[in-house]
C-alpha atoms as a PDB file:
ATOM      1  CA  MET A   1       3.861  -0.502  14.870  1.00  0.00           C
ATOM      2  CA  PHE A   2       1.419   0.315  17.642  1.00  0.00           C
ATOM      3  CA  PHE A   3      -1.556  -1.349  15.923  1.00  0.00           C
ATOM      4  CA  ALA A   4       0.349  -4.601  15.370  1.00  0.00           C
ATOM      5  CA  LEU A   5      -0.839  -5.991  18.732  1.00  0.00           C
ATOM      6  CA  SER A   6      -4.466  -4.981  18.260  1.00  0.00           C
ATOM      7  CA  PRO A   7      -6.905  -7.931  18.344  1.00  0.00           C
ATOM      8  CA  ILE A   8      -8.720  -6.394  15.380  1.00  0.00           C
ATOM      9  CA  TYR A   9      -5.454  -6.193  13.455  1.00  0.00           C
ATOM     10  CA  LEU A  10      -4.866  -9.873  14.154  1.00  0.00           C
ATOM     11  CA  LEU A  11      -8.402 -10.667  13.061  1.00  0.00           C
ATOM     12  CA  PHE A  12      -7.727  -9.032   9.701  1.00  0.00           C
ATOM     13  CA  THR A  13      -4.236 -10.380   9.126  1.00  0.00           C
ATOM     14  CA  ILE A  14      -3.861 -13.786  10.789  1.00  0.00           C
ATOM     15  CA  PRO A  15      -5.944 -15.737   8.209  1.00  0.00           C
ATOM     16  CA  ALA A  16      -3.878 -14.324   5.342  1.00  0.00           C
ATOM     17  CA  LEU A  17      -0.658 -14.972   7.258  1.00  0.00           C
ATOM     18  CA  LEU A  18      -1.606 -18.599   7.902  1.00  0.00           C
ATOM     19  CA  PHE A  19      -2.476 -18.992   4.238  1.00  0.00           C
ATOM     20  CA  ALA A  20       0.938 -17.571   3.298  1.00  0.00           C
ATOM     21  CA  VAL A  21       2.722 -20.012   5.615  1.00  0.00           C
ATOM     22  CA  TRP A  22       0.774 -22.903   4.104  1.00  0.00           C
ATOM     23  CA  ALA A  23       1.539 -21.695   0.562  1.00  0.00           C
ATOM     24  CA  GLN A  24       5.257 -21.512   1.346  1.00  0.00           C
ATOM     25  CA  TRP A  25       5.130 -25.041   2.747  1.00  0.00           C
ATOM     26  CA  LYS A  26       3.341 -26.250  -0.398  1.00  0.00           C
ATOM     27  CA  VAL A  27       5.872 -24.741  -2.790  1.00  0.00           C
ATOM     28  CA  ARG A  28       8.811 -26.002  -0.746  1.00  0.00           C
ATOM     29  CA  SER A  29       7.277 -29.475  -0.513  1.00  0.00           C
ATOM     30  CA  ALA A  30       6.565 -29.672  -4.256  1.00  0.00           C
ATOM     31  CA  TYR A  31      10.003 -28.352  -5.108  1.00  0.00           C
ATOM     32  CA  ASN A  32      11.810 -30.742  -2.746  1.00  0.00           C
ATOM     33  CA  THR A  33       9.868 -33.678  -4.174  1.00  0.00           C
ATOM     34  CA  TYR A  34      10.296 -32.951  -7.870  1.00  0.00           C
ATOM     35  CA  SER A  35      13.850 -31.627  -7.634  1.00  0.00           C
ATOM     36  CA  ARG A  36      14.739 -35.245  -6.861  1.00  0.00           C
ATOM     37  CA  VAL A  37      12.777 -36.645  -9.819  1.00  0.00           C
ATOM     38  CA  LEU A  38      14.882 -36.738 -12.982  1.00  0.00           C
ATOM     39  CA  ASN A  39      13.155 -35.824 -16.229  1.00  0.00           C
ATOM     40  CA  ALA A  40      13.007 -38.479 -18.930  1.00  0.00           C
ATOM     41  CA  GLN A  41      15.494 -36.763 -21.234  1.00  0.00           C
ATOM     42  CA  ARG A  42      17.985 -35.994 -18.447  1.00  0.00           C
ATOM     43  CA  MET A  43      18.066 -32.352 -19.521  1.00  0.00           C
ATOM     44  CA  THR A  44      19.237 -29.751 -17.060  1.00  0.00           C
ATOM     45  CA  GLY A  45      17.273 -26.567 -16.699  1.00  0.00           C
ATOM     46  CA  LEU A  46      19.864 -24.813 -18.841  1.00  0.00           C
ATOM     47  CA  ASP A  47      19.427 -27.452 -21.572  1.00  0.00           C
ATOM     48  CA  VAL A  48      15.669 -26.911 -21.462  1.00  0.00           C
ATOM     49  CA  ALA A  49      16.180 -23.159 -21.658  1.00  0.00           C
ATOM     50  CA  ARG A  50      18.356 -23.459 -24.757  1.00  0.00           C
ATOM     51  CA  VAL A  51      15.822 -25.628 -26.595  1.00  0.00           C
ATOM     52  CA  LEU A  52      12.876 -23.423 -25.721  1.00  0.00           C
ATOM     53  CA  MET A  53      14.708 -20.204 -26.498  1.00  0.00           C
ATOM     54  CA  ARG A  54      15.756 -21.512 -29.896  1.00  0.00           C
ATOM     55  CA  ASN A  55      12.357 -22.944 -30.857  1.00  0.00           C
ATOM     56  CA  GLU A  56      10.147 -20.238 -29.375  1.00  0.00           C
ATOM     57  CA  GLY A  57      11.957 -17.209 -30.798  1.00  0.00           C
ATOM     58  CA  LEU A  58      13.481 -16.177 -27.468  1.00  0.00           C
ATOM     59  CA  GLU A  59      17.152 -16.259 -28.381  1.00  0.00           C
ATOM     60  CA  HIS A  60      17.426 -12.546 -27.564  1.00  0.00           C
ATOM     61  CA  VAL A  61      16.965 -13.365 -23.856  1.00  0.00           C
ATOM     62  CA  ARG A  62      20.170 -13.415 -21.830  1.00  0.00           C
ATOM     63  CA  VAL A  63      20.660 -16.036 -19.144  1.00  0.00           C
ATOM     64  CA  GLU A  64      22.459 -15.055 -15.958  1.00  0.00           C
ATOM     65  CA  HIS A  65      23.232 -16.796 -12.697  1.00  0.00           C
ATOM     66  CA  ILE A  66      21.631 -15.735  -9.431  1.00  0.00           C
ATOM     67  CA  GLY A  67      22.425 -16.979  -5.951  1.00  0.00           C
ATOM     68  CA  GLY A  68      20.016 -18.640  -3.579  1.00  0.00           C
ATOM     69  CA  ASP A  69      17.273 -21.192  -4.032  1.00  0.00           C
ATOM     70  CA  LEU A  70      13.954 -20.566  -5.797  1.00  0.00           C
ATOM     71  CA  THR A  71      15.203 -17.091  -6.682  1.00  0.00           C
ATOM     72  CA  ASP A  72      14.736 -17.541 -10.427  1.00  0.00           C
ATOM     73  CA  HIS A  73      13.044 -14.686 -12.278  1.00  0.00           C
ATOM     74  CA  TYR A  74      12.738 -12.902 -15.606  1.00  0.00           C
ATOM     75  CA  ASP A  75      13.554  -9.191 -15.859  1.00  0.00           C
ATOM     76  CA  PRO A  76      11.525  -7.597 -18.689  1.00  0.00           C
ATOM     77  CA  ARG A  77      13.509  -4.359 -18.522  1.00  0.00           C
ATOM     78  CA  GLU A  78      16.831  -5.999 -19.288  1.00  0.00           C
ATOM     79  CA  LYS A  79      15.465  -9.050 -21.160  1.00  0.00           C
ATOM     80  CA  VAL A  80      17.357 -11.290 -18.755  1.00  0.00           C
ATOM     81  CA  MET A  81      16.353 -14.607 -17.216  1.00  0.00           C
ATOM     82  CA  ARG A  82      18.224 -15.185 -13.967  1.00  0.00           C
ATOM     83  CA  LEU A  83      18.484 -18.795 -12.860  1.00  0.00           C
ATOM     84  CA  SER A  84      19.785 -20.376  -9.668  1.00  0.00           C
ATOM     85  CA  ASP A  85      22.230 -23.289  -9.585  1.00  0.00           C
ATOM     86  CA  SER A  86      19.531 -25.856  -8.887  1.00  0.00           C
ATOM     87  CA  SER A  87      17.620 -24.755 -11.975  1.00  0.00           C
ATOM     88  CA  THR A  88      20.560 -24.672 -14.369  1.00  0.00           C
ATOM     89  CA  ARG A  89      22.533 -27.742 -13.318  1.00  0.00           C
ATOM     90  CA  THR A  90      19.919 -30.276 -12.268  1.00  0.00           C
ATOM     91  CA  PRO A  91      18.093 -32.512 -14.809  1.00  0.00           C
ATOM     92  CA  SER A  92      14.955 -32.573 -12.676  1.00  0.00           C
ATOM     93  CA  VAL A  93      11.259 -32.091 -13.315  1.00  0.00           C
ATOM     94  CA  ALA A  94      11.280 -29.095 -10.953  1.00  0.00           C
ATOM     95  CA  ALA A  95      14.105 -27.382 -12.849  1.00  0.00           C
ATOM     96  CA  MET A  96      12.282 -27.954 -16.118  1.00  0.00           C
ATOM     97  CA  ALA A  97       9.092 -26.397 -14.709  1.00  0.00           C
ATOM     98  CA  ILE A  98      10.856 -23.354 -13.251  1.00  0.00           C
ATOM     99  CA  VAL A  99      12.861 -22.558 -16.379  1.00  0.00           C
ATOM    100  CA  ALA A 100       9.810 -22.943 -18.616  1.00  0.00           C
ATOM    101  CA  HIS A 101       7.820 -20.657 -16.332  1.00  0.00           C
ATOM    102  CA  GLU A 102      10.408 -17.888 -16.520  1.00  0.00           C
ATOM    103  CA  LEU A 103      10.530 -18.240 -20.299  1.00  0.00           C
ATOM    104  CA  GLY A 104       6.747 -17.971 -20.205  1.00  0.00           C
ATOM    105  CA  HIS A 105       7.323 -14.451 -18.890  1.00  0.00           C
ATOM    106  CA  ALA A 106       9.822 -13.818 -21.687  1.00  0.00           C
ATOM    107  CA  LEU A 107       7.193 -14.911 -24.203  1.00  0.00           C
ATOM    108  CA  GLN A 108       4.679 -12.566 -22.567  1.00  0.00           C
ATOM    109  CA  ASP A 109       7.193  -9.770 -22.885  1.00  0.00           C
ATOM    110  CA  ARG A 110       7.895 -10.480 -26.551  1.00  0.00           C
ATOM    111  CA  GLN A 111       4.179 -10.578 -27.341  1.00  0.00           C
ATOM    112  CA  GLU A 112       3.490  -7.471 -25.210  1.00  0.00           C
ATOM    113  CA  TYR A 113       1.036  -9.279 -22.961  1.00  0.00           C
ATOM    114  CA  ALA A 114      -1.269  -6.613 -21.532  1.00  0.00           C
ATOM    115  CA  TRP A 115      -1.158  -7.688 -17.888  1.00  0.00           C
ATOM    116  CA  LEU A 116       2.639  -7.829 -17.903  1.00  0.00           C
ATOM    117  CA  ARG A 117       2.828  -4.355 -19.414  1.00  0.00           C
ATOM    118  CA  LEU A 118       0.411  -3.079 -16.764  1.00  0.00           C
ATOM    119  CA  ARG A 119       2.451  -4.645 -13.967  1.00  0.00           C
ATOM    120  CA  SER A 120       5.657  -3.148 -15.344  1.00  0.00           C
ATOM    121  CA  GLY A 121       3.924   0.224 -15.556  1.00  0.00           C
ATOM    122  CA  ILE A 122       2.906   0.321 -11.893  1.00  0.00           C
ATOM    123  CA  VAL A 123       5.975  -1.269 -10.323  1.00  0.00           C
ATOM    124  CA  GLY A 124       7.480   2.117  -9.411  1.00  0.00           C
ATOM    125  CA  ALA A 125       4.322   3.333  -7.678  1.00  0.00           C
ATOM    126  CA  ALA A 126       3.951  -0.053  -5.976  1.00  0.00           C
ATOM    127  CA  ASN A 127       7.485   0.121  -4.562  1.00  0.00           C
ATOM    128  CA  ILE A 128       6.868   3.597  -3.192  1.00  0.00           C
ATOM    129  CA  GLY A 129       3.469   2.614  -1.838  1.00  0.00           C
ATOM    130  CA  SER A 130       4.717  -0.485  -0.058  1.00  0.00           C
ATOM    131  CA  GLN A 131       7.524   1.444   1.646  1.00  0.00           C
ATOM    132  CA  LEU A 132       5.866   4.771   2.343  1.00  0.00           C
ATOM    133  CA  GLY A 133       2.160   3.977   2.595  1.00  0.00           C
ATOM    134  CA  THR A 134       2.244   2.190   5.955  1.00  0.00           C
ATOM    135  CA  VAL A 135       4.578   4.842   7.394  1.00  0.00           C
ATOM    136  CA  LEU A 136       2.156   7.632   6.472  1.00  0.00           C
ATOM    137  CA  VAL A 137      -0.770   5.749   8.007  1.00  0.00           C
ATOM    138  CA  PHE A 138       1.210   5.319  11.213  1.00  0.00           C
ATOM    139  CA  ILE A 139       2.344   8.959  11.340  1.00  0.00           C
ATOM    140  CA  GLY A 140      -1.122  10.254  10.487  1.00  0.00           C
ATOM    141  CA  LEU A 141      -2.830   8.236  13.212  1.00  0.00           C
ATOM    142  CA  LEU A 142      -0.131   9.226  15.696  1.00  0.00           C
ATOM    143  CA  MET A 143      -0.677  12.905  14.876  1.00  0.00           C
ATOM    144  CA  ALA A 144      -4.427  12.521  15.279  1.00  0.00           C
ATOM    145  CA  MET A 145      -4.158  10.807  18.680  1.00  0.00           C
ATOM    146  CA  LEU A 146      -1.270  12.612  20.355  1.00  0.00           C
ATOM    147  CA  PHE A 147      -0.819  16.043  18.866  1.00  0.00           C
ATOM    148  CA  ARG A 148      -4.371  17.244  18.317  1.00  0.00           C
ATOM    149  CA  ALA A 149      -3.819  17.491  14.598  1.00  0.00           C
ATOM    150  CA  GLY A 150      -6.871  15.427  13.765  1.00  0.00           C
ATOM    151  CA  SER A 151      -7.811  16.597  10.285  1.00  0.00           C
ATOM    152  CA  LEU A 152      -4.230  16.846   9.107  1.00  0.00           C
ATOM    153  CA  GLY A 153      -3.308  13.506  10.642  1.00  0.00           C
ATOM    154  CA  ILE A 154      -6.276  11.645   9.209  1.00  0.00           C
ATOM    155  CA  GLY A 155      -5.695  13.244   5.835  1.00  0.00           C
ATOM    156  CA  LEU A 156      -2.088  12.097   5.930  1.00  0.00           C
ATOM    157  CA  ALA A 157      -3.191   8.595   6.901  1.00  0.00           C
ATOM    158  CA  TRP A 158      -5.630   8.447   3.969  1.00  0.00           C
ATOM    159  CA  ALA A 159      -2.784   9.529   1.694  1.00  0.00           C
ATOM    160  CA  GLY A 160      -0.855   6.558   3.054  1.00  0.00           C
ATOM    161  CA  VAL A 161      -3.792   4.295   2.248  1.00  0.00           C
ATOM    162  CA  ALA A 162      -3.874   5.618  -1.302  1.00  0.00           C
ATOM    163  CA  LEU A 163      -0.159   4.932  -1.707  1.00  0.00           C
ATOM    164  CA  PHE A 164      -0.450   1.475  -0.192  1.00  0.00           C
ATOM    165  CA  SER A 165      -3.291   0.736  -2.629  1.00  0.00           C
ATOM    166  CA  ALA A 166      -0.744   0.860  -5.458  1.00  0.00           C
ATOM    167  CA  ALA A 167       1.174  -1.966  -3.802  1.00  0.00           C
ATOM    168  CA  VAL A 168      -2.064  -3.931  -3.404  1.00  0.00           C
ATOM    169  CA  ALA A 169      -2.911  -3.361  -7.064  1.00  0.00           C
ATOM    170  CA  PHE A 170       0.511  -4.708  -8.015  1.00  0.00           C
ATOM    171  CA  THR A 171      -0.107  -7.975  -6.158  1.00  0.00           C
ATOM    172  CA  LEU A 172      -3.494  -8.368  -7.845  1.00  0.00           C
ATOM    173  CA  VAL A 173      -2.170  -7.623 -11.333  1.00  0.00           C
ATOM    174  CA  THR A 174       0.611 -10.142 -10.689  1.00  0.00           C
ATOM    175  CA  LEU A 175      -1.907 -12.997 -10.451  1.00  0.00           C
ATOM    176  CA  PRO A 176      -2.943 -13.196 -14.138  1.00  0.00           C
ATOM    177  CA  VAL A 177       0.693 -12.634 -15.140  1.00  0.00           C
ATOM    178  CA  GLU A 178       1.888 -15.619 -13.117  1.00  0.00           C
ATOM    179  CA  PHE A 179      -0.970 -17.949 -14.006  1.00  0.00           C
ATOM    180  CA  ASN A 180      -0.566 -17.145 -17.681  1.00  0.00           C
ATOM    181  CA  ALA A 181       3.204 -17.746 -17.534  1.00  0.00           C
ATOM    182  CA  SER A 182       2.587 -21.169 -16.002  1.00  0.00           C
ATOM    183  CA  SER A 183       0.070 -22.004 -18.717  1.00  0.00           C
ATOM    184  CA  ARG A 184       2.575 -20.962 -21.382  1.00  0.00           C
ATOM    185  CA  ALA A 185       5.245 -23.059 -19.675  1.00  0.00           C
ATOM    186  CA  ARG A 186       3.159 -26.216 -19.916  1.00  0.00           C
ATOM    187  CA  GLU A 187       2.289 -25.519 -23.550  1.00  0.00           C
ATOM    188  CA  MET A 188       5.911 -24.870 -24.536  1.00  0.00           C
ATOM    189  CA  LEU A 189       7.173 -28.019 -22.852  1.00  0.00           C
ATOM    190  CA  MET A 190       4.545 -30.160 -24.569  1.00  0.00           C
ATOM    191  CA  ARG A 191       4.913 -28.411 -27.927  1.00  0.00           C
ATOM    192  CA  ASN A 192       8.646 -29.020 -27.940  1.00  0.00           C
ATOM    193  CA  GLY A 193       8.428 -32.622 -26.800  1.00  0.00           C
ATOM    194  CA  LEU A 194      10.319 -32.004 -23.574  1.00  0.00           C
ATOM    195  CA  MET A 195       7.686 -33.270 -21.134  1.00  0.00           C
ATOM    196  CA  THR A 196       6.003 -36.643 -20.902  1.00  0.00           C
ATOM    197  CA  THR A 197       2.435 -37.094 -19.722  1.00  0.00           C
ATOM    198  CA  GLU A 198       3.696 -38.383 -16.386  1.00  0.00           C
ATOM    199  CA  GLU A 199       6.066 -35.459 -15.974  1.00  0.00           C
ATOM    200  CA  ALA A 200       3.222 -33.048 -16.687  1.00  0.00           C
ATOM    201  CA  VAL A 201       1.762 -34.003 -13.310  1.00  0.00           C
ATOM    202  CA  GLY A 202       4.935 -32.996 -11.473  1.00  0.00           C
ATOM    203  CA  VAL A 203       5.362 -29.837 -13.512  1.00  0.00           C
ATOM    204  CA  GLY A 204       1.777 -28.898 -12.720  1.00  0.00           C
ATOM    205  CA  LYS A 205       2.274 -29.443  -8.988  1.00  0.00           C
ATOM    206  CA  VAL A 206       5.408 -27.292  -8.913  1.00  0.00           C
ATOM    207  CA  LEU A 207       3.792 -24.476 -10.893  1.00  0.00           C
ATOM    208  CA  ASN A 208       0.494 -24.608  -8.996  1.00  0.00           C
ATOM    209  CA  ALA A 209       2.272 -24.512  -5.637  1.00  0.00           C
ATOM    210  CA  ALA A 210       4.331 -21.522  -6.766  1.00  0.00           C
ATOM    211  CA  ALA A 211       1.164 -19.749  -7.894  1.00  0.00           C
ATOM    212  CA  LEU A 212      -0.275 -20.117  -4.388  1.00  0.00           C
ATOM    213  CA  THR A 213       2.487 -17.899  -3.024  1.00  0.00           C
ATOM    214  CA  TYR A 214       1.322 -15.049  -5.263  1.00  0.00           C
ATOM    215  CA  VAL A 215      -2.275 -15.573  -4.171  1.00  0.00           C
ATOM    216  CA  ALA A 216      -1.099 -15.479  -0.561  1.00  0.00           C
ATOM    217  CA  ALA A 217       0.845 -12.258  -1.140  1.00  0.00           C
ATOM    218  CA  ALA A 218      -2.246 -10.651  -2.641  1.00  0.00           C
ATOM    219  CA  ALA A 219      -4.378 -11.843   0.277  1.00  0.00           C
ATOM    220  CA  GLN A 220      -1.943 -10.370   2.791  1.00  0.00           C
ATOM    221  CA  ALA A 221      -1.822  -7.038   0.979  1.00  0.00           C
ATOM    222  CA  VAL A 222      -5.606  -6.829   0.703  1.00  0.00           C
ATOM    223  CA  SER A 223      -6.108  -7.736   4.373  1.00  0.00           C
ATOM    224  CA  GLN A 224      -3.628  -5.022   5.394  1.00  0.00           C
ATOM    225  CA  LEU A 225      -5.408  -2.466   3.217  1.00  0.00           C
ATOM    226  CA  LEU A 226      -8.816  -3.413   4.628  1.00  0.00           C
ATOM    227  CA  TYR A 227      -7.473  -2.987   8.142  1.00  0.00           C
ATOM    228  CA  PHE A 228      -6.218   0.515   7.330  1.00  0.00           C
ATOM    229  CA  VAL A 229      -9.589   1.439   5.843  1.00  0.00           C
ATOM    230  CA  PHE A 230     -11.357   0.001   8.902  1.00  0.00           C
ATOM    231  CA  LEU A 231      -9.171   2.113  11.205  1.00  0.00           C
ATOM    232  CA  LEU A 232      -9.817   5.311   9.322  1.00  0.00           C
ATOM    233  CA  ALA A 233     -13.421   4.898   8.225  1.00  0.00           C
ATOM    234  CA  GLY A 234     -15.699   7.194  10.174  1.00  0.00           C
ATOM    235  CA  ARG A 235     -12.892   9.079  11.955  1.00  0.00           C
ATOM    236  CA  ARG A 236     -13.313  12.813  11.901  1.00  0.00           C
ATOM    237  CA  ASP A 237     -11.018  13.868  14.757  1.00  0.00           C
END
């Protein structure tokens, strides 16, 4: 978009972008390290899932395969945990951490964790806001600058900001959901005797690195929103 090359735009967004790149490097580094470290019980991620699901009252959760790497996730709408090959077939510390984290979300869902319910409630608005919000800001500013439709254009741009705010809210609400799921993962692994004290260090590094990616996503969304507000604040044309 036309503002993408603005020095002010770069000032708002480059720090968050650099943080996101660093966060991705951290999660990839932690995953690559601990995917090569076998857990003490030589349990694959799928083995860990079966034990935790049986002992934690999560046997209603379906397990499905998903392609790719680090694509694992829990779907609260369908009560499905989707796991990649590396998580299901490898008896590594990383696989153990990832599976436990996703089952942490399943436990949140079963217990109707408030932040998860809130995130599920705004996901539709967030999807619309992320796709349409920026477009409306662009169109509104273009109308104001080129077609002498100042009030209408700026109003449309502010509507875009409001829509984009839903996407920003989603990234912020995601933070307590993810941190809580990681905390539950550690507790479940210890409670069920699946993780040694030494392995807890590796599990913590994998989960903490993954959490950074959600912090980075929130930082990028907030920086984008602040830039939109900066562009529009004080404009009356």
